[in-house]
Every structure is written in structure tokens, then in C-alpha cells.
């Protein structure tokens, strides 16, 4: 028993590039947060060799907290700017 009415809905296929651009226009501070996160992680990895007597786990915790703080800050600023 088929209930095909012959009406087809157009399927909208969106590629990754246009989806990223659309999302960046909707929330412009999200790409800023991603870029800041990447920059802090890169800086933390660069400073990994010269961490001195600091344990590896403490260094990684500090790097994670800084990166998460930047992302949360960017999201907060983005939310306040959209109101």
C-alpha cells in the first residue's frame, strides 16, 4: 500500500564551506573563539619545552583552562553583542 502523492519536496544540499559561512554570519564570535583556542593551544605546545620545573599535567591543565576561558569569553561577548 503506497501513499505516494506524486509531490516531491526539493532537497537542499549544503556543502561544508557554505555551511561554515552561514554559521559564521549567524554567530560571528564562534570563529573568533575557535581561532583563539587554536592559538592558545599552539602557544602552549610551543612553550612545552621551556616549562621549567612545572609538571606536565599542571602545564596541560593551565593550557586547557586558558583555551576554554577564551572560547567561553568569545561566546559571552558574542551573545551580548547580538541583543
PDB file of N, CA and C in Angstrom:
ATOM      1  N   UNK A   1       0.816  -1.153   0.000  1.00  0.00           N
ATOM      2  CA  UNK A   1       0.000   0.000   0.000  1.00  0.00           C
ATOM      3  C   UNK A   1       0.880   1.243   0.000  1.00  0.00           C
ATOM      4  N   UNK A   2       0.917   1.930  -1.046  1.00  0.00           N
ATOM      5  CA  UNK A   2       1.750   3.118  -1.169  1.00  0.00           C
ATOM      6  C   UNK A   2       0.875   4.364  -1.122  1.00  0.00           C
ATOM      7  N   UNK A   3       1.345   5.375  -0.415  1.00  0.00           N
ATOM      8  CA  UNK A   3       0.613   6.640  -0.325  1.00  0.00           C
ATOM      9  C   UNK A   3       1.366   7.739  -1.041  1.00  0.00           C
ATOM     10  N   UNK A   4       2.024   7.417  -2.123  1.00  0.00           N
ATOM     11  CA  UNK A   4       2.793   8.388  -2.894  1.00  0.00           C
ATOM     12  C   UNK A   4       1.839   9.318  -3.634  1.00  0.00           C
ATOM     13  N   UNK A   5       1.905  10.597  -3.327  1.00  0.00           N
ATOM     14  CA  UNK A   5       1.005  11.569  -3.948  1.00  0.00           C
ATOM     15  C   UNK A   5       1.626  12.216  -5.178  1.00  0.00           C
ATOM     16  N   UNK A   6       2.850  11.899  -5.481  1.00  0.00           N
ATOM     17  CA  UNK A   6       3.500  12.466  -6.654  1.00  0.00           C
ATOM     18  C   UNK A   6       4.151  13.814  -6.395  1.00  0.00           C
ATOM     19  N   UNK A   7       4.029  14.346  -5.181  1.00  0.00           N
ATOM     20  CA  UNK A   7       4.636  15.629  -4.836  1.00  0.00           C
ATOM     21  C   UNK A   7       5.976  15.352  -4.185  1.00  0.00           C
ATOM     22  N   UNK A   8       6.994  15.954  -4.736  1.00  0.00           N
ATOM     23  CA  UNK A   8       8.317  15.775  -4.149  1.00  0.00           C
ATOM     24  C   UNK A   8       8.806  17.102  -3.601  1.00  0.00           C
ATOM     25  N   UNK A   9       9.393  17.036  -2.431  1.00  0.00           N
ATOM     26  CA  UNK A   9       9.959  18.230  -1.822  1.00  0.00           C
ATOM     27  C   UNK A   9      11.394  18.371  -2.285  1.00  0.00           C
ATOM     28  N   UNK A  10      11.824  19.576  -2.610  1.00  0.00           N
ATOM     29  CA  UNK A  10      13.213  19.749  -3.043  1.00  0.00           C
ATOM     30  C   UNK A  10      14.156  19.510  -1.868  1.00  0.00           C
ATOM     31  N   UNK A  11      15.176  18.744  -2.113  1.00  0.00           N
ATOM     32  CA  UNK A  11      16.154  18.504  -1.051  1.00  0.00           C
ATOM     33  C   UNK A  11      17.264  19.542  -1.183  1.00  0.00           C
ATOM     34  N   UNK A  12      17.599  20.150  -0.088  1.00  0.00           N
ATOM     35  CA  UNK A  12      18.599  21.209  -0.067  1.00  0.00           C
ATOM     36  C   UNK A  12      19.903  20.638   0.453  1.00  0.00           C
ATOM     37  N   UNK A  13      20.866  20.543  -0.407  1.00  0.00           N
ATOM     38  CA  UNK A  13      22.181  20.055  -0.035  1.00  0.00           C
ATOM     39  C   UNK A  13      23.100  21.254   0.165  1.00  0.00           C
ATOM     40  N   UNK A  14      23.721  21.324   1.321  1.00  0.00           N
ATOM     41  CA  UNK A  14      24.608  22.439   1.646  1.00  0.00           C
ATOM     42  C   UNK A  14      26.010  21.885   1.860  1.00  0.00           C
ATOM     43  N   UNK A  15      26.986  22.429   1.144  1.00  0.00           N
ATOM     44  CA  UNK A  15      28.350  21.943   1.323  1.00  0.00           C
ATOM     45  C   UNK A  15      28.959  22.568   2.576  1.00  0.00           C
ATOM     46  N   UNK A  16      30.107  22.053   2.979  1.00  0.00           N
ATOM     47  CA  UNK A  16      30.735  22.476   4.231  1.00  0.00           C
ATOM     48  C   UNK A  16      31.123  23.949   4.222  1.00  0.00           C
ATOM     49  N   UNK A  17      31.613  24.439   3.096  1.00  0.00           N
ATOM     50  CA  UNK A  17      32.044  25.837   3.015  1.00  0.00           C
ATOM     51  C   UNK A  17      30.901  26.810   3.210  1.00  0.00           C
ATOM     52  N   UNK A  18      29.787  26.571   2.545  1.00  0.00           N
ATOM     53  CA  UNK A  18      28.651  27.480   2.686  1.00  0.00           C
ATOM     54  C   UNK A  18      28.007  27.351   4.070  1.00  0.00           C
ATOM     55  N   UNK A  19      28.049  26.162   4.643  1.00  0.00           N
ATOM     56  CA  UNK A  19      27.513  25.988   5.991  1.00  0.00           C
ATOM     57  C   UNK A  19      28.357  26.764   7.001  1.00  0.00           C
ATOM     58  N   UNK A  20      29.682  26.713   6.862  1.00  0.00           N
ATOM     59  CA  UNK A  20      30.576  27.443   7.754  1.00  0.00           C
ATOM     60  C   UNK A  20      30.362  28.947   7.622  1.00  0.00           C
ATOM     61  N   UNK A  21      30.210  29.426   6.408  1.00  0.00           N
ATOM     62  CA  UNK A  21      29.981  30.858   6.184  1.00  0.00           C
ATOM     63  C   UNK A  21      28.646  31.281   6.788  1.00  0.00           C
ATOM     64  N   UNK A  22      27.618  30.475   6.614  1.00  0.00           N
ATOM     65  CA  UNK A  22      26.302  30.797   7.165  1.00  0.00           C
ATOM     66  C   UNK A  22      26.344  30.836   8.688  1.00  0.00           C
ATOM     67  N   UNK A  23      26.998  29.853   9.293  1.00  0.00           N
ATOM     68  CA  UNK A  23      27.100  29.816  10.750  1.00  0.00           C
ATOM     69  C   UNK A  23      27.929  30.985  11.276  1.00  0.00           C
ATOM     70  N   UNK A  24      28.977  31.372  10.547  1.00  0.00           N
ATOM     71  CA  UNK A  24      29.807  32.494  10.974  1.00  0.00           C
ATOM     72  C   UNK A  24      29.032  33.805  10.914  1.00  0.00           C
ATOM     73  N   UNK A  25      28.115  33.938   9.962  1.00  0.00           N
ATOM     74  CA  UNK A  25      27.279  35.138   9.886  1.00  0.00           C
ATOM     75  C   UNK A  25      26.259  35.163  11.016  1.00  0.00           C
ATOM     76  N   UNK A  26      25.758  33.994  11.401  1.00  0.00           N
ATOM     77  CA  UNK A  26      24.784  33.922  12.488  1.00  0.00           C
ATOM     78  C   UNK A  26      25.425  34.220  13.839  1.00  0.00           C
ATOM     79  N   UNK A  27      26.627  33.731  14.068  1.00  0.00           N
ATOM     80  CA  UNK A  27      27.337  33.920  15.337  1.00  0.00           C
ATOM     81  C   UNK A  27      28.797  34.249  15.025  1.00  0.00           C
ATOM     82  N   UNK A  28      29.113  35.530  14.811  1.00  0.00           N
ATOM     83  CA  UNK A  28      30.458  35.882  14.339  1.00  0.00           C
ATOM     84  C   UNK A  28      31.578  35.635  15.352  1.00  0.00           C
ATOM     85  N   UNK A  29      31.277  35.496  16.624  1.00  0.00           N
ATOM     86  CA  UNK A  29      32.345  35.287  17.594  1.00  0.00           C
ATOM     87  C   UNK A  29      32.727  33.822  17.753  1.00  0.00           C
ATOM     88  N   UNK A  30      31.973  32.911  17.163  1.00  0.00           N
ATOM     89  CA  UNK A  30      32.342  31.498  17.224  1.00  0.00           C
ATOM     90  C   UNK A  30      33.655  31.234  16.469  1.00  0.00           C
ATOM     91  N   UNK A  31      33.825  31.736  15.233  1.00  0.00           N
ATOM     92  CA  UNK A  31      35.129  31.560  14.588  1.00  0.00           C
ATOM     93  C   UNK A  31      36.269  32.245  15.345  1.00  0.00           C
ATOM     94  N   UNK A  32      35.968  33.368  16.004  1.00  0.00           N
ATOM     95  CA  UNK A  32      36.985  34.038  16.829  1.00  0.00           C
ATOM     96  C   UNK A  32      37.376  33.133  17.985  1.00  0.00           C
ATOM     97  N   UNK A  33      36.400  32.491  18.609  1.00  0.00           N
ATOM     98  CA  UNK A  33      36.683  31.564  19.699  1.00  0.00           C
ATOM     99  C   UNK A  33      37.494  30.363  19.242  1.00  0.00           C
ATOM    100  N   UNK A  34      37.166  29.848  18.075  1.00  0.00           N
ATOM    101  CA  UNK A  34      37.915  28.703  17.531  1.00  0.00           C
ATOM    102  C   UNK A  34      39.352  29.103  17.228  1.00  0.00           C
ATOM    103  N   UNK A  35      39.534  30.277  16.623  1.00  0.00           N
ATOM    104  CA  UNK A  35      40.882  30.751  16.296  1.00  0.00           C
ATOM    105  C   UNK A  35      41.689  31.010  17.569  1.00  0.00           C
ATOM    106  N   UNK A  36      41.056  31.593  18.573  1.00  0.00           N
ATOM    107  CA  UNK A  36      41.748  31.827  19.842  1.00  0.00           C
ATOM    108  C   UNK A  36      42.129  30.540  20.529  1.00  0.00           C
ATOM    109  N   UNK A  37      41.225  29.572  20.498  1.00  0.00           N
ATOM    110  CA  UNK A  37      41.508  28.256  21.072  1.00  0.00           C
ATOM    111  C   UNK A  37      42.731  27.638  20.396  1.00  0.00           C
ATOM    112  N   UNK A  38      42.751  27.684  19.069  1.00  0.00           N
ATOM    113  CA  UNK A  38      43.879  27.109  18.325  1.00  0.00           C
ATOM    114  C   UNK A  38      45.176  27.853  18.633  1.00  0.00           C
ATOM    115  N   UNK A  39      45.101  29.177  18.758  1.00  0.00           N
ATOM    116  CA  UNK A  39      46.303  29.970  19.051  1.00  0.00           C
ATOM    117  C   UNK A  39      46.844  29.658  20.446  1.00  0.00           C
ATOM    118  N   UNK A  40      45.957  29.523  21.426  1.00  0.00           N
ATOM    119  CA  UNK A  40      46.410  29.215  22.785  1.00  0.00           C
ATOM    120  C   UNK A  40      47.002  27.813  22.853  1.00  0.00           C
ATOM    121  N   UNK A  41      46.395  26.865  22.182  1.00  0.00           N
ATOM    122  CA  UNK A  41      46.949  25.501  22.164  1.00  0.00           C
ATOM    123  C   UNK A  41      48.309  25.484  21.474  1.00  0.00           C
ATOM    124  N   UNK A  42      48.437  26.206  20.363  1.00  0.00           N
ATOM    125  CA  UNK A  42      49.729  26.262  19.664  1.00  0.00           C
ATOM    126  C   UNK A  42      50.793  26.913  20.548  1.00  0.00           C
ATOM    127  N   UNK A  43      50.430  27.988  21.236  1.00  0.00           N
ATOM    128  CA  UNK A  43      51.383  28.655  22.132  1.00  0.00           C
ATOM    129  C   UNK A  43      51.769  27.726  23.282  1.00  0.00           C
ATOM    130  N   UNK A  44      50.789  27.012  23.837  1.00  0.00           N
ATOM    131  CA  UNK A  44      51.081  26.082  24.925  1.00  0.00           C
ATOM    132  C   UNK A  44      51.999  24.957  24.495  1.00  0.00           C
ATOM    133  N   UNK A  45      51.793  24.458  23.288  1.00  0.00           N
ATOM    134  CA  UNK A  45      52.681  23.412  22.781  1.00  0.00           C
ATOM    135  C   UNK A  45      54.081  23.954  22.509  1.00  0.00           C
ATOM    136  N   UNK A  46      54.152  25.209  22.053  1.00  0.00           N
ATOM    137  CA  UNK A  46      55.449  25.845  21.818  1.00  0.00           C
ATOM    138  C   UNK A  46      56.208  26.021  23.135  1.00  0.00           C
ATOM    139  N   UNK A  47      55.497  26.402  24.190  1.00  0.00           N
ATOM    140  CA  UNK A  47      56.125  26.627  25.486  1.00  0.00           C
ATOM    141  C   UNK A  47      56.338  25.338  26.277  1.00  0.00           C
ATOM    142  N   UNK A  48      55.925  24.227  25.735  1.00  0.00           N
ATOM    143  CA  UNK A  48      56.022  22.954  26.443  1.00  0.00           C
ATOM    144  C   UNK A  48      57.469  22.605  26.796  1.00  0.00           C
ATOM    145  N   UNK A  49      58.398  22.930  25.917  1.00  0.00           N
ATOM    146  CA  UNK A  49      59.808  22.602  26.153  1.00  0.00           C
ATOM    147  C   UNK A  49      60.414  23.453  27.266  1.00  0.00           C
ATOM    148  N   UNK A  50      59.959  24.686  27.388  1.00  0.00           N
ATOM    149  CA  UNK A  50      60.568  25.589  28.367  1.00  0.00           C
ATOM    150  C   UNK A  50      59.661  25.805  29.575  1.00  0.00           C
ATOM    151  N   UNK A  51      59.037  24.755  30.050  1.00  0.00           N
ATOM    152  CA  UNK A  51      58.114  24.894  31.172  1.00  0.00           C
ATOM    153  C   UNK A  51      58.830  24.868  32.513  1.00  0.00           C
ATOM    154  N   UNK A  52      60.124  24.619  32.523  1.00  0.00           N
ATOM    155  CA  UNK A  52      60.903  24.612  33.763  1.00  0.00           C
ATOM    156  C   UNK A  52      60.586  23.411  34.623  1.00  0.00           C
ATOM    157  N   UNK A  53      60.391  23.674  35.926  1.00  0.00           N
ATOM    158  CA  UNK A  53      60.129  22.585  36.876  1.00  0.00           C
ATOM    159  C   UNK A  53      58.655  22.233  36.971  1.00  0.00           C
ATOM    160  N   UNK A  54      57.820  22.882  36.188  1.00  0.00           N
ATOM    161  CA  UNK A  54      56.380  22.611  36.232  1.00  0.00           C
ATOM    162  C   UNK A  54      56.102  21.217  35.661  1.00  0.00           C
ATOM    163  N   UNK A  55      55.264  20.482  36.371  1.00  0.00           N
ATOM    164  CA  UNK A  55      54.903  19.151  35.889  1.00  0.00           C
ATOM    165  C   UNK A  55      54.117  19.260  34.590  1.00  0.00           C
ATOM    166  N   UNK A  56      54.192  18.230  33.783  1.00  0.00           N
ATOM    167  CA  UNK A  56      53.488  18.188  32.509  1.00  0.00           C
ATOM    168  C   UNK A  56      51.983  18.317  32.725  1.00  0.00           C
ATOM    169  N   UNK A  57      51.436  17.620  33.713  1.00  0.00           N
ATOM    170  CA  UNK A  57      49.990  17.655  33.932  1.00  0.00           C
ATOM    171  C   UNK A  57      49.519  19.059  34.312  1.00  0.00           C
ATOM    172  N   UNK A  58      50.279  19.763  35.123  1.00  0.00           N
ATOM    173  CA  UNK A  58      49.910  21.123  35.522  1.00  0.00           C
ATOM    174  C   UNK A  58      49.965  22.055  34.315  1.00  0.00           C
ATOM    175  N   UNK A  59      50.979  21.899  33.491  1.00  0.00           N
ATOM    176  CA  UNK A  59      51.098  22.723  32.282  1.00  0.00           C
ATOM    177  C   UNK A  59      49.902  22.491  31.354  1.00  0.00           C
ATOM    178  N   UNK A  60      49.521  21.232  31.165  1.00  0.00           N
ATOM    179  CA  UNK A  60      48.384  20.926  30.305  1.00  0.00           C
ATOM    180  C   UNK A  60      47.068  21.433  30.882  1.00  0.00           C
ATOM    181  N   UNK A  61      46.919  21.378  32.207  1.00  0.00           N
ATOM    182  CA  UNK A  61      45.708  21.904  32.829  1.00  0.00           C
ATOM    183  C   UNK A  61      45.622  23.408  32.622  1.00  0.00           C
ATOM    184  N   UNK A  62      46.725  24.123  32.815  1.00  0.00           N
ATOM    185  CA  UNK A  62      46.727  25.569  32.601  1.00  0.00           C
ATOM    186  C   UNK A  62      46.407  25.913  31.151  1.00  0.00           C
ATOM    187  N   UNK A  63      46.961  25.156  30.227  1.00  0.00           N
ATOM    188  CA  UNK A  63      46.701  25.400  28.809  1.00  0.00           C
ATOM    189  C   UNK A  63      45.221  25.151  28.486  1.00  0.00           C
ATOM    190  N   UNK A  64      44.649  24.098  29.020  1.00  0.00           N
ATOM    191  CA  UNK A  64      43.237  23.786  28.780  1.00  0.00           C
ATOM    192  C   UNK A  64      42.323  24.853  29.359  1.00  0.00           C
ATOM    193  N   UNK A  65      42.618  25.302  30.568  1.00  0.00           N
ATOM    194  CA  UNK A  65      41.789  26.325  31.206  1.00  0.00           C
ATOM    195  C   UNK A  65      41.858  27.636  30.425  1.00  0.00           C
ATOM    196  N   UNK A  66      43.041  28.015  29.965  1.00  0.00           N
ATOM    197  CA  UNK A  66      43.177  29.246  29.189  1.00  0.00           C
ATOM    198  C   UNK A  66      42.397  29.152  27.875  1.00  0.00           C
ATOM    199  N   UNK A  67      42.507  28.023  27.194  1.00  0.00           N
ATOM    200  CA  UNK A  67      41.806  27.853  25.915  1.00  0.00           C
ATOM    201  C   UNK A  67      40.298  27.845  26.125  1.00  0.00           C
ATOM    202  N   UNK A  68      39.821  27.142  27.137  1.00  0.00           N
ATOM    203  CA  UNK A  68      38.386  27.118  27.408  1.00  0.00           C
ATOM    204  C   UNK A  68      37.881  28.493  27.835  1.00  0.00           C
ATOM    205  N   UNK A  69      38.681  29.204  28.612  1.00  0.00           N
ATOM    206  CA  UNK A  69      38.296  30.545  29.025  1.00  0.00           C
ATOM    207  C   UNK A  69      38.161  31.486  27.847  1.00  0.00           C
ATOM    208  N   UNK A  70      39.056  31.369  26.880  1.00  0.00           N
ATOM    209  CA  UNK A  70      38.965  32.213  25.690  1.00  0.00           C
ATOM    210  C   UNK A  70      37.696  31.909  24.908  1.00  0.00           C
ATOM    211  N   UNK A  71      37.373  30.638  24.746  1.00  0.00           N
ATOM    212  CA  UNK A  71      36.170  30.257  23.995  1.00  0.00           C
ATOM    213  C   UNK A  71      34.913  30.731  24.722  1.00  0.00           C
ATOM    214  N   UNK A  72      34.848  30.540  26.025  1.00  0.00           N
ATOM    215  CA  UNK A  72      33.677  30.989  26.786  1.00  0.00           C
ATOM    216  C   UNK A  72      33.564  32.510  26.724  1.00  0.00           C
ATOM    217  N   UNK A  73      34.688  33.213  26.817  1.00  0.00           N
ATOM    218  CA  UNK A  73      34.674  34.674  26.709  1.00  0.00           C
ATOM    219  C   UNK A  73      34.181  35.134  25.356  1.00  0.00           C
ATOM    220  N   UNK A  74      34.626  34.483  24.298  1.00  0.00           N
ATOM    221  CA  UNK A  74      34.189  34.849  22.950  1.00  0.00           C
ATOM    222  C   UNK A  74      32.700  34.578  22.782  1.00  0.00           C
ATOM    223  N   UNK A  75      32.212  33.475  23.326  1.00  0.00           N
ATOM    224  CA  UNK A  75      30.787  33.164  23.227  1.00  0.00           C
ATOM    225  C   UNK A  75      29.957  34.158  24.030  1.00  0.00           C
ATOM    226  N   UNK A  76      30.470  34.569  25.194  1.00  0.00           N
ATOM    227  CA  UNK A  76      29.753  35.535  26.024  1.00  0.00           C
ATOM    228  C   UNK A  76      29.676  36.898  25.339  1.00  0.00           C
ATOM    229  N   UNK A  77      30.790  37.348  24.793  1.00  0.00           N
ATOM    230  CA  UNK A  77      30.806  38.623  24.085  1.00  0.00           C
ATOM    231  C   UNK A  77      29.883  38.557  22.858  1.00  0.00           C
ATOM    232  N   UNK A  78      29.890  37.418  22.180  1.00  0.00           N
ATOM    233  CA  UNK A  78      29.026  37.248  21.018  1.00  0.00           C
ATOM    234  C   UNK A  78      27.553  37.284  21.380  1.00  0.00           C
ATOM    235  N   UNK A  79      27.185  36.722  22.523  1.00  0.00           N
ATOM    236  CA  UNK A  79      25.792  36.728  22.958  1.00  0.00           C
ATOM    237  C   UNK A  79      25.351  38.130  23.353  1.00  0.00           C
ATOM    238  N   UNK A  80      26.224  38.880  24.037  1.00  0.00           N
ATOM    239  CA  UNK A  80      25.874  40.242  24.433  1.00  0.00           C
ATOM    240  C   UNK A  80      25.753  41.164  23.239  1.00  0.00           C
ATOM    241  N   UNK A  81      26.565  40.913  22.228  1.00  0.00           N
ATOM    242  CA  UNK A  81      26.525  41.762  21.039  1.00  0.00           C
ATOM    243  C   UNK A  81      25.307  41.534  20.156  1.00  0.00           C
ATOM    244  N   UNK A  82      24.652  40.378  20.301  1.00  0.00           N
ATOM    245  CA  UNK A  82      23.504  40.085  19.444  1.00  0.00           C
ATOM    246  C   UNK A  82      22.199  40.571  20.020  1.00  0.00           C
ATOM    247  N   UNK A  83      22.200  41.077  21.233  1.00  0.00           N
ATOM    248  CA  UNK A  83      20.958  41.560  21.873  1.00  0.00           C
ATOM    249  C   UNK A  83      20.677  42.983  21.562  1.00  0.00           C
TER     250      UNK A  83
END
